[in-house]
N, C-alpha and C. Protein backbone atom coordinates (compact mmCIF):
# COMPACT_ATOMS: atom_id res chain seq x y z
N MET A 1 0.96 7.59 15.61
CA MET A 1 0.04 6.58 15.12
C MET A 1 0.11 6.53 13.60
N GLY A 2 -0.05 5.35 13.05
CA GLY A 2 0.01 5.23 11.61
C GLY A 2 -1.30 5.64 10.97
N ARG A 3 -1.25 5.88 9.69
CA ARG A 3 -2.46 6.23 8.96
C ARG A 3 -3.19 4.95 8.59
N PRO A 4 -4.55 4.96 8.67
CA PRO A 4 -5.28 3.75 8.30
C PRO A 4 -5.07 3.43 6.83
N GLY A 5 -4.97 2.14 6.55
CA GLY A 5 -4.82 1.71 5.17
C GLY A 5 -3.38 1.67 4.71
N CYS A 6 -2.43 2.17 5.53
CA CYS A 6 -1.02 2.14 5.15
C CYS A 6 -0.39 0.89 5.76
N PRO A 7 -0.01 -0.09 4.95
CA PRO A 7 0.50 -1.33 5.51
C PRO A 7 1.81 -1.10 6.26
N ARG A 8 1.90 -1.76 7.40
CA ARG A 8 3.15 -1.77 8.15
C ARG A 8 3.60 -3.23 8.19
N PRO A 9 4.70 -3.58 7.57
CA PRO A 9 5.08 -4.98 7.49
C PRO A 9 5.37 -5.57 8.86
N GLY A 10 4.91 -6.79 9.09
CA GLY A 10 5.19 -7.48 10.34
C GLY A 10 6.34 -8.46 10.15
N LEU A 11 6.32 -9.54 10.90
CA LEU A 11 7.40 -10.52 10.87
C LEU A 11 7.54 -11.15 9.48
N THR A 12 6.40 -11.38 8.82
CA THR A 12 6.42 -12.04 7.52
C THR A 12 6.50 -11.06 6.36
N GLY A 13 6.52 -9.75 6.66
CA GLY A 13 6.52 -8.76 5.60
C GLY A 13 5.12 -8.45 5.11
N ARG A 14 4.10 -9.16 5.63
CA ARG A 14 2.72 -8.89 5.24
C ARG A 14 1.89 -8.74 6.50
N ARG A 15 0.75 -8.10 6.37
CA ARG A 15 -0.17 -8.01 7.49
C ARG A 15 -1.58 -8.09 6.96
N ARG A 16 -2.50 -8.41 7.84
CA ARG A 16 -3.90 -8.51 7.44
C ARG A 16 -4.37 -7.15 6.95
N PRO A 17 -4.99 -7.07 5.78
CA PRO A 17 -5.43 -5.76 5.29
C PRO A 17 -6.55 -5.19 6.16
N LEU A 18 -6.53 -3.88 6.33
CA LEU A 18 -7.58 -3.21 7.08
C LEU A 18 -8.64 -2.72 6.10
N HIS A 19 -9.88 -3.17 6.30
CA HIS A 19 -10.97 -2.75 5.42
C HIS A 19 -11.59 -1.48 5.98
N LEU A 20 -11.35 -0.37 5.30
CA LEU A 20 -11.86 0.92 5.75
C LEU A 20 -13.19 1.24 5.09
N PRO A 21 -14.09 1.91 5.82
CA PRO A 21 -15.30 2.42 5.17
C PRO A 21 -14.92 3.48 4.15
N PRO A 22 -15.80 3.81 3.21
CA PRO A 22 -15.48 4.88 2.26
C PRO A 22 -15.24 6.19 3.00
N PRO A 23 -14.44 7.10 2.41
CA PRO A 23 -14.08 8.35 3.10
C PRO A 23 -15.28 9.19 3.52
N ASP A 24 -16.39 9.11 2.76
CA ASP A 24 -17.55 9.93 3.09
C ASP A 24 -18.59 9.17 3.92
N ALA A 25 -18.18 8.03 4.51
CA ALA A 25 -19.12 7.25 5.31
C ALA A 25 -19.51 8.02 6.57
N PRO A 26 -20.76 7.90 7.00
CA PRO A 26 -21.18 8.56 8.24
C PRO A 26 -20.42 8.01 9.45
N ALA A 27 -20.42 8.78 10.53
CA ALA A 27 -19.70 8.39 11.74
C ALA A 27 -20.21 7.06 12.27
N SER A 28 -21.52 6.80 12.16
CA SER A 28 -22.06 5.54 12.69
C SER A 28 -21.47 4.33 11.99
N VAL A 29 -21.18 4.46 10.69
CA VAL A 29 -20.58 3.35 9.94
C VAL A 29 -19.13 3.15 10.39
N MET A 30 -18.42 4.26 10.62
CA MET A 30 -17.03 4.15 11.07
C MET A 30 -16.94 3.58 12.48
N ILE A 31 -17.89 3.95 13.34
CA ILE A 31 -17.92 3.38 14.69
C ILE A 31 -18.13 1.87 14.61
N ALA A 32 -19.06 1.45 13.75
CA ALA A 32 -19.30 0.01 13.58
C ALA A 32 -18.05 -0.69 13.06
N ALA A 33 -17.31 -0.04 12.15
CA ALA A 33 -16.08 -0.63 11.63
C ALA A 33 -15.03 -0.76 12.73
N ALA A 34 -14.93 0.24 13.60
CA ALA A 34 -13.98 0.17 14.71
C ALA A 34 -14.34 -0.97 15.66
N LEU A 35 -15.65 -1.14 15.94
CA LEU A 35 -16.09 -2.23 16.81
C LEU A 35 -15.79 -3.59 16.19
N ASP A 36 -16.10 -3.73 14.90
CA ASP A 36 -15.81 -5.00 14.21
C ASP A 36 -14.32 -5.30 14.26
N HIS A 37 -13.50 -4.26 14.10
CA HIS A 37 -12.05 -4.45 14.12
C HIS A 37 -11.59 -4.92 15.50
N LEU A 38 -12.13 -4.30 16.56
CA LEU A 38 -11.75 -4.70 17.92
C LEU A 38 -12.23 -6.11 18.24
N ASP A 39 -13.34 -6.52 17.63
CA ASP A 39 -13.88 -7.85 17.89
C ASP A 39 -13.13 -8.96 17.15
N ALA A 40 -12.22 -8.58 16.25
CA ALA A 40 -11.45 -9.58 15.48
C ALA A 40 -9.96 -9.37 15.76
N PRO A 41 -9.49 -9.78 16.95
CA PRO A 41 -8.08 -9.52 17.30
C PRO A 41 -7.13 -10.37 16.46
N PRO A 42 -5.84 -10.04 16.50
CA PRO A 42 -4.85 -10.86 15.79
C PRO A 42 -4.90 -12.30 16.27
N LEU A 43 -4.40 -13.20 15.43
CA LEU A 43 -4.46 -14.63 15.76
C LEU A 43 -3.74 -14.95 17.06
N ALA A 44 -2.65 -14.26 17.34
CA ALA A 44 -1.88 -14.54 18.56
C ALA A 44 -2.37 -13.65 19.70
N GLY A 45 -3.68 -13.67 19.95
CA GLY A 45 -4.25 -12.83 21.00
C GLY A 45 -3.88 -13.35 22.38
N PRO A 46 -3.97 -12.49 23.39
CA PRO A 46 -3.57 -12.88 24.75
C PRO A 46 -4.65 -13.72 25.43
N LEU A 47 -4.24 -14.47 26.45
CA LEU A 47 -5.18 -15.19 27.30
C LEU A 47 -5.49 -14.28 28.48
N HIS A 48 -6.75 -13.84 28.59
CA HIS A 48 -7.07 -12.84 29.60
C HIS A 48 -7.25 -13.44 31.00
N ASP A 49 -7.69 -14.68 31.10
CA ASP A 49 -7.94 -15.27 32.41
C ASP A 49 -7.16 -16.57 32.53
N HIS A 50 -5.87 -16.44 32.67
CA HIS A 50 -4.99 -17.61 32.75
C HIS A 50 -5.09 -18.22 34.15
N PRO A 51 -4.99 -19.58 34.26
CA PRO A 51 -5.05 -20.21 35.59
C PRO A 51 -4.02 -19.66 36.57
N ALA A 52 -2.90 -19.15 36.08
CA ALA A 52 -1.88 -18.60 36.97
C ALA A 52 -2.39 -17.40 37.76
N LEU A 53 -3.47 -16.80 37.29
CA LEU A 53 -4.02 -15.66 38.01
C LEU A 53 -4.90 -16.09 39.19
N ARG A 54 -5.17 -17.40 39.33
CA ARG A 54 -6.05 -17.87 40.40
C ARG A 54 -5.24 -18.12 41.67
N ASP A 55 -5.93 -18.00 42.80
CA ASP A 55 -5.21 -18.19 44.06
C ASP A 55 -5.13 -19.68 44.39
N PRO A 56 -4.35 -20.08 45.43
CA PRO A 56 -4.17 -21.52 45.72
C PRO A 56 -5.46 -22.25 46.07
N PHE A 57 -6.49 -21.51 46.50
CA PHE A 57 -7.74 -22.17 46.88
C PHE A 57 -8.71 -22.30 45.71
N GLY A 58 -8.25 -21.91 44.52
CA GLY A 58 -9.06 -22.09 43.33
C GLY A 58 -10.09 -20.99 43.12
N VAL A 59 -9.99 -19.92 43.88
CA VAL A 59 -10.94 -18.81 43.72
C VAL A 59 -10.29 -17.76 42.82
N ALA A 60 -10.95 -17.44 41.74
CA ALA A 60 -10.37 -16.49 40.80
C ALA A 60 -10.51 -15.08 41.33
N PRO A 61 -9.40 -14.34 41.41
CA PRO A 61 -9.51 -12.92 41.78
C PRO A 61 -10.12 -12.13 40.62
N LEU A 62 -10.39 -10.87 40.87
CA LEU A 62 -10.88 -10.02 39.79
C LEU A 62 -9.83 -10.04 38.68
N SER A 63 -10.22 -10.49 37.49
CA SER A 63 -9.26 -10.65 36.42
C SER A 63 -8.71 -9.31 35.97
N TYR A 64 -7.54 -9.36 35.33
CA TYR A 64 -6.97 -8.14 34.81
C TYR A 64 -7.90 -7.50 33.79
N GLY A 65 -8.57 -8.35 32.99
CA GLY A 65 -9.50 -7.82 32.00
C GLY A 65 -10.62 -7.03 32.65
N ALA A 66 -11.13 -7.52 33.80
CA ALA A 66 -12.18 -6.80 34.51
C ALA A 66 -11.65 -5.49 35.08
N LEU A 67 -10.42 -5.51 35.57
CA LEU A 67 -9.82 -4.28 36.09
C LEU A 67 -9.64 -3.25 34.96
N ASP A 68 -9.20 -3.73 33.79
CA ASP A 68 -9.04 -2.83 32.64
C ASP A 68 -10.39 -2.24 32.24
N ALA A 69 -11.43 -3.06 32.23
CA ALA A 69 -12.76 -2.58 31.85
C ALA A 69 -13.27 -1.55 32.86
N ARG A 70 -12.98 -1.78 34.14
CA ARG A 70 -13.42 -0.82 35.16
C ARG A 70 -12.70 0.51 34.95
N SER A 71 -11.41 0.46 34.63
CA SER A 71 -10.65 1.68 34.36
C SER A 71 -11.22 2.42 33.16
N ALA A 72 -11.64 1.67 32.12
CA ALA A 72 -12.23 2.29 30.93
C ALA A 72 -13.55 2.96 31.26
N ARG A 73 -14.36 2.33 32.10
CA ARG A 73 -15.64 2.94 32.49
C ARG A 73 -15.41 4.21 33.30
N ARG A 74 -14.37 4.20 34.15
CA ARG A 74 -14.03 5.41 34.91
C ARG A 74 -13.61 6.53 33.96
N ALA A 75 -12.87 6.17 32.91
CA ALA A 75 -12.44 7.18 31.93
C ALA A 75 -13.65 7.78 31.23
N LEU A 76 -14.59 6.94 30.81
CA LEU A 76 -15.79 7.45 30.13
C LEU A 76 -16.58 8.36 31.06
N ALA A 77 -16.75 7.94 32.32
CA ALA A 77 -17.49 8.76 33.27
C ALA A 77 -16.82 10.11 33.46
N ALA A 78 -15.49 10.12 33.52
CA ALA A 78 -14.76 11.38 33.68
C ALA A 78 -14.96 12.28 32.47
N VAL A 79 -14.92 11.69 31.28
CA VAL A 79 -15.11 12.47 30.05
C VAL A 79 -16.49 13.12 30.03
N LEU A 80 -17.51 12.36 30.39
CA LEU A 80 -18.88 12.84 30.28
C LEU A 80 -19.21 13.96 31.26
N VAL A 81 -18.44 14.07 32.35
CA VAL A 81 -18.68 15.16 33.31
C VAL A 81 -17.58 16.21 33.26
N GLY A 82 -16.63 16.06 32.31
CA GLY A 82 -15.59 17.07 32.14
C GLY A 82 -14.50 17.05 33.19
N GLU A 83 -14.26 15.90 33.80
CA GLU A 83 -13.20 15.78 34.80
C GLU A 83 -11.93 15.21 34.17
N PRO A 84 -10.78 15.36 34.84
CA PRO A 84 -9.53 14.79 34.29
C PRO A 84 -9.63 13.27 34.18
N LEU A 85 -8.96 12.75 33.17
CA LEU A 85 -8.96 11.29 32.97
C LEU A 85 -8.05 10.61 33.99
N PRO A 86 -8.32 9.33 34.29
CA PRO A 86 -7.54 8.62 35.31
C PRO A 86 -6.05 8.53 34.98
N GLU A 87 -5.70 8.41 33.69
CA GLU A 87 -4.28 8.29 33.31
C GLU A 87 -4.01 9.20 32.12
N SER A 88 -2.78 9.71 32.05
CA SER A 88 -2.45 10.71 31.03
C SER A 88 -2.52 10.15 29.62
N TRP A 89 -2.20 8.85 29.42
CA TRP A 89 -2.20 8.30 28.06
C TRP A 89 -3.60 8.29 27.46
N MET A 90 -4.61 8.26 28.31
CA MET A 90 -5.99 8.22 27.80
C MET A 90 -6.35 9.51 27.07
N GLU A 91 -5.66 10.61 27.40
CA GLU A 91 -5.93 11.88 26.74
C GLU A 91 -5.53 11.85 25.26
N GLU A 92 -4.67 10.90 24.88
CA GLU A 92 -4.23 10.80 23.49
C GLU A 92 -5.24 10.09 22.60
N ILE A 93 -6.26 9.47 23.19
CA ILE A 93 -7.31 8.80 22.43
C ILE A 93 -8.54 9.70 22.47
N THR A 94 -9.02 10.10 21.31
CA THR A 94 -10.12 11.06 21.23
C THR A 94 -11.34 10.52 21.98
N ALA A 95 -11.82 11.30 22.93
CA ALA A 95 -12.94 10.86 23.76
C ALA A 95 -14.27 11.18 23.09
N PRO A 96 -15.34 10.50 23.49
CA PRO A 96 -16.67 10.85 22.97
C PRO A 96 -17.03 12.27 23.37
N GLY A 97 -17.91 12.90 22.59
CA GLY A 97 -18.36 14.24 22.94
C GLY A 97 -19.18 14.23 24.22
N MET A 98 -19.04 15.26 25.03
CA MET A 98 -19.78 15.33 26.28
C MET A 98 -21.27 15.45 26.05
N ASP A 99 -21.67 16.04 24.91
CA ASP A 99 -23.09 16.24 24.64
C ASP A 99 -23.68 15.10 23.82
N ASP A 100 -22.85 14.16 23.39
CA ASP A 100 -23.36 13.06 22.56
C ASP A 100 -24.04 12.02 23.44
N GLU A 101 -25.08 11.42 22.89
CA GLU A 101 -25.75 10.32 23.59
C GLU A 101 -25.65 9.03 22.78
N ASP A 102 -24.63 8.93 21.97
CA ASP A 102 -24.46 7.76 21.11
C ASP A 102 -23.85 6.63 21.93
N GLU A 103 -24.66 5.64 22.27
CA GLU A 103 -24.18 4.54 23.09
C GLU A 103 -23.15 3.69 22.36
N ASP A 104 -23.30 3.55 21.03
CA ASP A 104 -22.32 2.78 20.27
C ASP A 104 -20.94 3.42 20.36
N GLU A 105 -20.90 4.74 20.27
CA GLU A 105 -19.62 5.44 20.33
C GLU A 105 -19.00 5.30 21.72
N GLN A 106 -19.81 5.44 22.75
CA GLN A 106 -19.31 5.31 24.11
C GLN A 106 -18.81 3.89 24.38
N TYR A 107 -19.56 2.92 23.87
CA TYR A 107 -19.15 1.51 24.04
C TYR A 107 -17.83 1.24 23.32
N THR A 108 -17.70 1.78 22.12
CA THR A 108 -16.46 1.59 21.36
C THR A 108 -15.29 2.23 22.09
N TYR A 109 -15.50 3.42 22.65
CA TYR A 109 -14.45 4.10 23.41
C TYR A 109 -13.99 3.25 24.60
N THR A 110 -14.95 2.73 25.38
CA THR A 110 -14.55 1.94 26.55
C THR A 110 -13.88 0.63 26.13
N LYS A 111 -14.33 0.06 25.03
CA LYS A 111 -13.71 -1.19 24.57
C LYS A 111 -12.28 -0.92 24.09
N LEU A 112 -12.07 0.21 23.43
CA LEU A 112 -10.73 0.58 22.97
C LEU A 112 -9.81 0.87 24.14
N ILE A 113 -10.29 1.62 25.13
CA ILE A 113 -9.48 1.92 26.31
C ILE A 113 -9.14 0.63 27.05
N THR A 114 -10.10 -0.30 27.13
CA THR A 114 -9.85 -1.59 27.78
C THR A 114 -8.75 -2.36 27.06
N ALA A 115 -8.82 -2.42 25.72
CA ALA A 115 -7.82 -3.16 24.95
C ALA A 115 -6.43 -2.53 25.08
N VAL A 116 -6.38 -1.20 25.05
CA VAL A 116 -5.08 -0.54 25.18
C VAL A 116 -4.52 -0.71 26.58
N SER A 117 -5.38 -0.65 27.61
CA SER A 117 -4.93 -0.88 29.00
C SER A 117 -4.32 -2.27 29.14
N ASP A 118 -4.99 -3.26 28.55
CA ASP A 118 -4.49 -4.64 28.60
C ASP A 118 -3.12 -4.74 27.92
N TYR A 119 -3.00 -4.11 26.75
CA TYR A 119 -1.72 -4.13 26.02
C TYR A 119 -0.62 -3.47 26.85
N ARG A 120 -0.91 -2.30 27.42
CA ARG A 120 0.10 -1.58 28.20
C ARG A 120 0.58 -2.41 29.40
N ARG A 121 -0.36 -3.06 30.07
CA ARG A 121 0.02 -3.86 31.24
C ARG A 121 0.90 -5.04 30.83
N ARG A 122 0.51 -5.75 29.77
CA ARG A 122 1.27 -6.94 29.37
C ARG A 122 2.64 -6.60 28.79
N HIS A 123 2.76 -5.39 28.18
CA HIS A 123 4.03 -5.00 27.55
C HIS A 123 4.80 -3.98 28.39
N HIS A 124 4.33 -3.77 29.63
CA HIS A 124 5.02 -2.88 30.58
C HIS A 124 5.24 -1.50 29.98
N ARG A 125 4.18 -0.94 29.41
CA ARG A 125 4.26 0.40 28.85
C ARG A 125 3.93 1.43 29.92
N ALA A 126 4.60 2.56 29.85
CA ALA A 126 4.33 3.68 30.76
C ALA A 126 4.45 4.96 29.96
N GLY A 127 3.95 6.05 30.54
CA GLY A 127 4.06 7.33 29.87
C GLY A 127 2.81 7.69 29.07
N PRO A 128 2.83 8.85 28.43
CA PRO A 128 1.62 9.36 27.76
C PRO A 128 1.30 8.73 26.41
N ASP A 129 2.25 8.05 25.78
CA ASP A 129 1.98 7.40 24.49
C ASP A 129 1.17 6.13 24.75
N PRO A 130 -0.03 6.00 24.17
CA PRO A 130 -0.86 4.84 24.48
C PRO A 130 -0.18 3.50 24.26
N LEU A 131 0.52 3.33 23.13
CA LEU A 131 1.08 2.02 22.80
C LEU A 131 2.61 1.98 22.87
N GLY A 132 3.26 3.11 22.84
CA GLY A 132 4.72 3.11 22.80
C GLY A 132 5.22 2.68 21.44
N PRO A 133 6.53 2.45 21.33
CA PRO A 133 7.09 2.06 20.03
C PRO A 133 6.62 0.68 19.59
N ARG A 134 6.61 0.46 18.30
CA ARG A 134 6.18 -0.83 17.76
C ARG A 134 7.19 -1.91 18.13
N PRO A 135 6.74 -2.99 18.80
CA PRO A 135 7.68 -4.06 19.14
C PRO A 135 8.04 -4.90 17.92
N ALA A 136 9.15 -5.60 18.01
CA ALA A 136 9.57 -6.48 16.92
C ALA A 136 8.83 -7.82 17.04
N GLY A 137 8.86 -8.57 15.95
CA GLY A 137 8.31 -9.92 15.96
C GLY A 137 6.80 -9.96 15.97
N LEU A 138 6.24 -11.04 16.52
CA LEU A 138 4.80 -11.25 16.47
C LEU A 138 4.03 -10.22 17.29
N ASP A 139 4.66 -9.66 18.32
CA ASP A 139 3.97 -8.65 19.11
C ASP A 139 3.63 -7.42 18.27
N GLY A 140 4.37 -7.22 17.18
CA GLY A 140 4.08 -6.08 16.31
C GLY A 140 2.71 -6.17 15.66
N ASP A 141 2.21 -7.40 15.45
CA ASP A 141 0.88 -7.56 14.85
C ASP A 141 -0.21 -6.99 15.76
N GLU A 142 -0.07 -7.23 17.06
CA GLU A 142 -1.05 -6.69 18.00
C GLU A 142 -0.96 -5.17 18.05
N TRP A 143 0.25 -4.63 17.99
CA TRP A 143 0.45 -3.17 17.97
C TRP A 143 -0.23 -2.58 16.73
N ASP A 144 -0.03 -3.24 15.57
CA ASP A 144 -0.68 -2.79 14.33
C ASP A 144 -2.20 -2.81 14.48
N HIS A 145 -2.70 -3.89 15.05
CA HIS A 145 -4.15 -4.06 15.20
C HIS A 145 -4.74 -2.93 16.06
N LEU A 146 -4.10 -2.64 17.19
CA LEU A 146 -4.62 -1.60 18.07
C LEU A 146 -4.44 -0.21 17.46
N THR A 147 -3.34 0.00 16.73
CA THR A 147 -3.13 1.27 16.05
C THR A 147 -4.26 1.51 15.04
N ASP A 148 -4.61 0.48 14.28
CA ASP A 148 -5.70 0.60 13.30
C ASP A 148 -7.03 0.90 14.00
N ALA A 149 -7.27 0.25 15.16
CA ALA A 149 -8.51 0.50 15.89
C ALA A 149 -8.57 1.95 16.37
N ILE A 150 -7.45 2.46 16.87
CA ILE A 150 -7.40 3.87 17.30
C ILE A 150 -7.66 4.79 16.11
N ASP A 151 -7.04 4.47 14.96
CA ASP A 151 -7.24 5.30 13.77
C ASP A 151 -8.71 5.31 13.34
N LEU A 152 -9.33 4.13 13.30
CA LEU A 152 -10.74 4.04 12.90
C LEU A 152 -11.62 4.85 13.85
N TYR A 153 -11.38 4.69 15.14
CA TYR A 153 -12.20 5.40 16.12
C TYR A 153 -12.00 6.92 16.00
N THR A 154 -10.74 7.35 15.81
CA THR A 154 -10.45 8.77 15.67
C THR A 154 -11.16 9.35 14.45
N HIS A 155 -11.13 8.62 13.33
CA HIS A 155 -11.82 9.07 12.12
C HIS A 155 -13.32 9.18 12.36
N ALA A 156 -13.87 8.24 13.13
CA ALA A 156 -15.30 8.30 13.44
C ALA A 156 -15.62 9.54 14.25
N ARG A 157 -14.77 9.87 15.22
CA ARG A 157 -15.01 11.06 16.04
C ARG A 157 -14.93 12.33 15.19
N ILE A 158 -13.97 12.38 14.28
CA ILE A 158 -13.85 13.55 13.40
C ILE A 158 -15.10 13.70 12.54
N GLU A 159 -15.55 12.57 11.97
CA GLU A 159 -16.75 12.62 11.13
C GLU A 159 -17.97 13.03 11.95
N ARG A 160 -18.07 12.56 13.19
CA ARG A 160 -19.20 12.95 14.04
C ARG A 160 -19.18 14.45 14.29
N ARG A 161 -18.00 15.01 14.56
CA ARG A 161 -17.90 16.46 14.78
C ARG A 161 -18.31 17.23 13.53
N LEU A 162 -17.87 16.74 12.37
CA LEU A 162 -18.25 17.41 11.12
C LEU A 162 -19.76 17.35 10.90
N GLU A 163 -20.37 16.20 11.19
CA GLU A 163 -21.81 16.07 11.06
C GLU A 163 -22.53 17.06 11.96
N GLN A 164 -22.03 17.21 13.20
CA GLN A 164 -22.66 18.15 14.13
C GLN A 164 -22.49 19.59 13.66
N MET A 165 -21.31 19.92 13.13
CA MET A 165 -21.09 21.28 12.63
C MET A 165 -21.99 21.57 11.43
N ARG A 166 -22.14 20.59 10.52
CA ARG A 166 -23.01 20.80 9.36
C ARG A 166 -24.46 20.99 9.79
N ALA A 167 -24.90 20.20 10.77
CA ALA A 167 -26.28 20.32 11.25
C ALA A 167 -26.49 21.68 11.93
N ARG A 168 -25.50 22.12 12.73
CA ARG A 168 -25.62 23.41 13.40
C ARG A 168 -25.66 24.55 12.39
N THR A 169 -24.80 24.47 11.36
CA THR A 169 -24.76 25.51 10.34
C THR A 169 -26.08 25.58 9.58
N ALA A 170 -26.62 24.41 9.23
CA ALA A 170 -27.90 24.38 8.50
C ALA A 170 -29.02 24.95 9.36
N ALA A 171 -29.00 24.65 10.67
CA ALA A 171 -30.04 25.17 11.55
C ALA A 171 -29.94 26.69 11.69
N GLU A 172 -28.71 27.19 11.82
CA GLU A 172 -28.52 28.64 11.93
C GLU A 172 -28.92 29.34 10.64
N ARG A 173 -28.59 28.73 9.49
CA ARG A 173 -28.95 29.32 8.21
C ARG A 173 -30.48 29.34 8.05
N ALA A 174 -31.12 28.26 8.44
CA ALA A 174 -32.58 28.18 8.32
C ALA A 174 -33.26 29.22 9.20
N ALA A 175 -32.61 29.57 10.32
CA ALA A 175 -33.22 30.52 11.25
C ALA A 175 -33.18 31.95 10.71
N VAL A 176 -32.21 32.27 9.84
CA VAL A 176 -32.06 33.65 9.38
C VAL A 176 -32.50 33.87 7.93
N LEU A 177 -32.58 32.81 7.15
CA LEU A 177 -32.96 32.97 5.75
C LEU A 177 -34.45 32.80 5.57
N PRO A 178 -35.05 33.55 4.66
CA PRO A 178 -36.48 33.34 4.38
C PRO A 178 -36.71 31.97 3.75
N ALA A 179 -37.91 31.46 3.92
CA ALA A 179 -38.23 30.10 3.44
C ALA A 179 -38.04 29.96 1.94
N THR A 180 -38.13 31.07 1.17
CA THR A 180 -38.03 30.99 -0.29
C THR A 180 -36.60 31.15 -0.79
N SER A 181 -35.64 31.35 0.11
CA SER A 181 -34.25 31.59 -0.31
C SER A 181 -33.66 30.33 -0.94
N PRO A 182 -32.95 30.49 -2.10
CA PRO A 182 -32.30 29.32 -2.71
C PRO A 182 -31.13 28.81 -1.87
N LEU A 183 -30.63 29.63 -0.94
CA LEU A 183 -29.52 29.20 -0.08
C LEU A 183 -29.99 28.31 1.07
N ARG A 184 -31.29 28.31 1.29
CA ARG A 184 -31.81 27.52 2.41
C ARG A 184 -31.84 26.05 2.01
N GLN A 185 -31.29 25.22 2.85
CA GLN A 185 -31.26 23.79 2.59
C GLN A 185 -32.07 23.07 3.65
N PRO A 186 -32.62 21.91 3.32
CA PRO A 186 -33.36 21.17 4.36
C PRO A 186 -32.41 20.72 5.46
N LEU A 187 -32.93 20.73 6.69
CA LEU A 187 -32.10 20.29 7.83
C LEU A 187 -31.80 18.80 7.68
N PRO A 188 -30.55 18.39 7.99
CA PRO A 188 -30.24 16.96 7.92
C PRO A 188 -31.00 16.19 9.00
N GLU A 189 -31.24 14.92 8.73
CA GLU A 189 -31.90 14.09 9.73
C GLU A 189 -31.00 13.95 10.93
N PRO A 190 -31.57 14.03 12.15
CA PRO A 190 -30.73 13.87 13.34
C PRO A 190 -30.16 12.45 13.40
N HIS A 191 -28.95 12.34 13.95
CA HIS A 191 -28.32 11.03 14.07
C HIS A 191 -29.03 10.23 15.15
N ARG A 192 -29.34 8.99 14.84
CA ARG A 192 -29.94 8.10 15.83
C ARG A 192 -28.93 7.04 16.18
N PRO A 193 -28.58 6.92 17.50
CA PRO A 193 -27.60 5.91 17.90
C PRO A 193 -27.96 4.52 17.40
N GLY A 194 -26.98 3.85 16.82
CA GLY A 194 -27.19 2.50 16.33
C GLY A 194 -27.87 2.44 14.98
N HIS A 195 -28.23 3.61 14.41
CA HIS A 195 -28.91 3.62 13.11
C HIS A 195 -27.89 3.54 11.98
N TRP A 196 -28.14 2.65 11.06
CA TRP A 196 -27.27 2.51 9.88
C TRP A 196 -27.96 3.18 8.71
N PRO A 197 -27.32 4.19 8.11
CA PRO A 197 -27.94 4.83 6.95
C PRO A 197 -27.98 3.87 5.76
N PRO A 198 -28.85 4.12 4.79
CA PRO A 198 -28.91 3.22 3.63
C PRO A 198 -27.61 3.22 2.87
N ALA A 199 -27.26 2.07 2.32
CA ALA A 199 -26.01 1.94 1.55
C ALA A 199 -26.11 2.77 0.29
N ARG A 200 -24.96 3.37 -0.08
CA ARG A 200 -24.94 4.20 -1.30
C ARG A 200 -24.60 3.36 -2.50
């Protein structure tokens, strides 16, 4: 996977710039950035419910998009109970924490898994690498877009883990140090799902 913010030239030698949150942004801000990124696909996005998918009687079968979303929900359910994921490539995308109750993070994870599932099906990808090699031409823009989304989400998960470690360390320190110790720091505010901290 590429690093966020590192341009990868497409067909025209340019690509849409990725707007990253500041490096010290809280996980909730990075999750929101990943969601915004997924909600703004490349201009040449796929048609998810094409008429060719309908049967001769005009009744639409369960769309591929719905099947992908169901697979993503199964992946999230497996993660939350500690069971193996439905497909091996899903293990390469950092899953939400089993103890986390952040609905935004879980929603972003399922949306990302859905988008990658759709890409893999349309580009006939197989194996443990979520996206496979970068395709040539216009398809490369979609690969770049999904790679950036994976990077943003991964950074959010790392920041969330760091936040949890800092909170745990502060709680343990507070439990053993006397109240008058200069090493004692106030406990950080607990993370509230969907809460946006004040801008710096």
